[in-house]
């Protein structure tokens, strides 16, 4: 398998992420530490999990809407306490009029924000009591969802 820039980037990312914890990762996955360490080698003849995920997402994007195709990435980010946002949305929250996928990208962002608000409410209700902190989180997540939906509304109006 030829070494290309994508493979080099993934190898560097895995090397950085797994440095010193390859044996622990291997045990958690039921793999050898050597297999995990190979993911950090650009000349390895097997694709790393990152490369496989990237390929799967690229193919899915060819056949599915972005918010559906990228659902595994959104889930992973959410489980790790992070959030993915489309790069084509500017810091001001509006998309460029010349960007043909602006509405789709903003709709994806609005969907993520809304799902986080719903998830915060569901998690807060697990013990059937909503604490002050949980209520503040729900309000914050709802405000972010409302803002994302308003930006979507403006983006659609700009494209019309």
Protein backbone atom coordinates (compact mmCIF):
# COMPACT_ATOMS: atom_id res chain seq x y z
CA UNK A 1 0.00 0.00 0.00
CA UNK A 2 1.57 3.32 -1.01
CA UNK A 3 2.29 5.94 1.64
CA UNK A 4 0.33 9.12 0.97
CA UNK A 5 -0.30 12.29 2.94
CA UNK A 6 -3.59 10.97 4.36
CA UNK A 7 -1.90 7.84 5.67
CA UNK A 8 0.93 9.93 7.13
CA UNK A 9 -1.56 12.24 8.86
CA UNK A 10 -3.49 9.31 10.37
CA UNK A 11 -0.29 7.60 11.47
CA UNK A 12 0.91 10.79 13.17
CA UNK A 13 -2.46 11.29 14.86
CA UNK A 14 -2.56 7.71 16.16
CA UNK A 15 1.06 7.87 17.27
CA UNK A 16 0.28 11.02 19.23
CA UNK A 17 -2.94 9.59 20.71
CA UNK A 18 -1.57 6.16 21.65
CA UNK A 19 1.96 7.05 22.80
CA UNK A 20 2.63 5.10 25.96
CA UNK A 21 -0.82 3.52 26.19
CA UNK A 22 -0.72 1.03 23.28
CA UNK A 23 -0.76 -2.02 25.60
CA UNK A 24 -3.79 -0.69 27.53
CA UNK A 25 -5.63 0.11 24.29
CA UNK A 26 -4.76 -3.33 22.95
CA UNK A 27 -6.15 -5.01 26.08
CA UNK A 28 -9.35 -2.92 25.89
CA UNK A 29 -9.85 -3.91 22.24
CA UNK A 30 -8.67 -7.51 22.57
CA UNK A 31 -5.73 -6.77 20.26
CA UNK A 32 -2.00 -6.96 20.67
CA UNK A 33 -0.05 -3.85 21.64
CA UNK A 34 1.91 -4.35 18.40
CA UNK A 35 -1.29 -3.95 16.34
CA UNK A 36 -2.12 -0.72 18.13
CA UNK A 37 1.44 0.56 17.68
CA UNK A 38 1.29 -0.22 13.94
CA UNK A 39 -1.55 2.28 13.57
CA UNK A 40 1.09 4.93 14.24
CA UNK A 41 3.33 3.68 11.42
CA UNK A 42 2.71 5.20 7.96
CA UNK A 43 4.24 2.16 6.25
CA UNK A 44 1.89 -0.36 7.93
CA UNK A 45 0.13 -2.54 5.35
CA UNK A 46 -3.20 -2.39 7.24
CA UNK A 47 -5.50 0.60 7.45
CA UNK A 48 -5.81 2.20 10.85
CA UNK A 49 -9.26 2.62 12.45
CA UNK A 50 -9.08 6.32 11.59
CA UNK A 51 -8.42 5.60 7.93
CA UNK A 52 -11.28 3.10 7.86
CA UNK A 53 -13.65 5.56 9.51
CA UNK A 54 -12.64 8.31 7.09
CA UNK A 55 -13.24 6.04 4.09
CA UNK A 56 -16.62 4.95 5.48
CA UNK A 57 -17.68 8.57 6.09
CA UNK A 58 -16.53 9.72 2.63
CA UNK A 59 -18.51 6.94 0.95
CA UNK A 60 -21.53 7.62 3.17
CA UNK A 61 -21.37 11.32 2.23
CA UNK A 62 -21.68 10.33 -1.41
CA UNK A 63 -24.93 8.49 -0.69
CA UNK A 64 -26.48 10.13 2.38
CA UNK A 65 -27.19 13.60 3.71
CA UNK A 66 -24.27 14.97 5.78
CA UNK A 67 -26.14 14.88 9.09
CA UNK A 68 -26.96 11.19 8.51
CA UNK A 69 -23.61 10.18 7.05
CA UNK A 70 -21.66 11.81 9.87
CA UNK A 71 -23.88 10.51 12.69
CA UNK A 72 -21.13 8.15 13.99
CA UNK A 73 -18.70 11.06 14.28
CA UNK A 74 -21.26 13.22 16.09
CA UNK A 75 -22.00 10.35 18.48
CA UNK A 76 -18.33 9.74 19.19
CA UNK A 77 -17.66 13.44 19.78
CA UNK A 78 -20.69 13.70 22.05
CA UNK A 79 -19.67 10.66 24.10
CA UNK A 80 -16.24 12.20 24.61
CA UNK A 81 -17.69 15.56 25.60
CA UNK A 82 -17.04 17.39 22.33
CA UNK A 83 -19.14 18.77 19.50
CA UNK A 84 -18.58 18.75 15.74
CA UNK A 85 -19.51 21.81 13.73
CA UNK A 86 -19.41 22.22 9.95
CA UNK A 87 -16.36 24.19 8.84
CA UNK A 88 -18.25 26.13 6.16
CA UNK A 89 -20.24 28.08 8.75
CA UNK A 90 -18.50 31.35 9.57
CA UNK A 91 -17.73 32.58 13.08
CA UNK A 92 -20.67 34.96 12.83
CA UNK A 93 -22.90 31.92 12.35
CA UNK A 94 -23.96 32.64 8.79
CA UNK A 95 -22.91 30.81 5.68
CA UNK A 96 -21.52 32.32 2.55
CA UNK A 97 -24.18 32.94 -0.10
CA UNK A 98 -21.91 31.33 -2.70
CA UNK A 99 -21.62 28.12 -0.64
CA UNK A 100 -24.02 25.67 -2.34
CA UNK A 101 -24.21 23.40 0.73
CA UNK A 102 -24.71 26.23 3.22
CA UNK A 103 -28.27 25.23 4.10
CA UNK A 104 -27.34 21.58 4.57
CA UNK A 105 -24.37 22.46 6.76
CA UNK A 106 -26.40 24.82 8.92
CA UNK A 107 -29.25 22.31 9.15
CA UNK A 108 -26.74 19.75 10.39
CA UNK A 109 -25.50 22.18 13.03
CA UNK A 110 -29.07 22.95 14.12
CA UNK A 111 -29.84 19.25 14.37
CA UNK A 112 -26.81 18.63 16.57
CA UNK A 113 -27.65 21.58 18.84
CA UNK A 114 -31.28 20.48 19.14
CA UNK A 115 -30.32 16.89 19.90
CA UNK A 116 -27.99 18.11 22.65
CA UNK A 117 -30.84 20.09 24.23
CA UNK A 118 -33.15 17.07 24.11
CA UNK A 119 -30.40 14.83 25.48
CA UNK A 120 -29.71 17.22 28.37
CA UNK A 121 -33.40 17.10 29.32
CA UNK A 122 -33.56 13.30 29.10
CA UNK A 123 -30.40 12.84 31.16
CA UNK A 124 -31.69 15.30 33.78
CA UNK A 125 -34.89 13.27 34.15
CA UNK A 126 -33.12 9.95 34.75
CA UNK A 127 -33.45 10.37 38.53
CA UNK A 128 -36.86 12.07 38.13
CA UNK A 129 -35.54 15.29 39.71
CA UNK A 130 -34.06 18.21 37.77
CA UNK A 131 -31.36 19.98 39.78
CA UNK A 132 -30.49 23.65 39.42
CA UNK A 133 -27.31 22.75 37.50
CA UNK A 134 -29.24 20.44 35.19
CA UNK A 135 -31.84 23.15 34.59
CA UNK A 136 -29.10 25.65 33.70
CA UNK A 137 -27.56 23.14 31.29
CA UNK A 138 -30.95 22.49 29.67
CA UNK A 139 -31.54 26.24 29.28
CA UNK A 140 -28.05 26.76 27.81
CA UNK A 141 -28.46 23.87 25.37
CA UNK A 142 -31.93 25.12 24.36
CA UNK A 143 -30.56 28.63 23.79
CA UNK A 144 -27.81 27.21 21.58
CA UNK A 145 -30.37 25.15 19.65
CA UNK A 146 -32.63 28.18 19.17
CA UNK A 147 -29.68 30.26 17.91
CA UNK A 148 -28.68 27.50 15.47
CA UNK A 149 -32.27 27.29 14.20
CA UNK A 150 -32.42 31.07 13.77
CA UNK A 151 -29.17 30.99 11.79
CA UNK A 152 -30.67 28.20 9.65
CA UNK A 153 -33.74 30.36 9.06
CA UNK A 154 -31.55 33.30 7.97
CA UNK A 155 -29.40 31.04 5.77
CA UNK A 156 -32.49 29.69 4.00
CA UNK A 157 -33.82 33.23 3.50
CA UNK A 158 -30.46 34.33 2.04
CA UNK A 159 -30.49 31.44 -0.43
CA UNK A 160 -34.07 32.13 -1.57
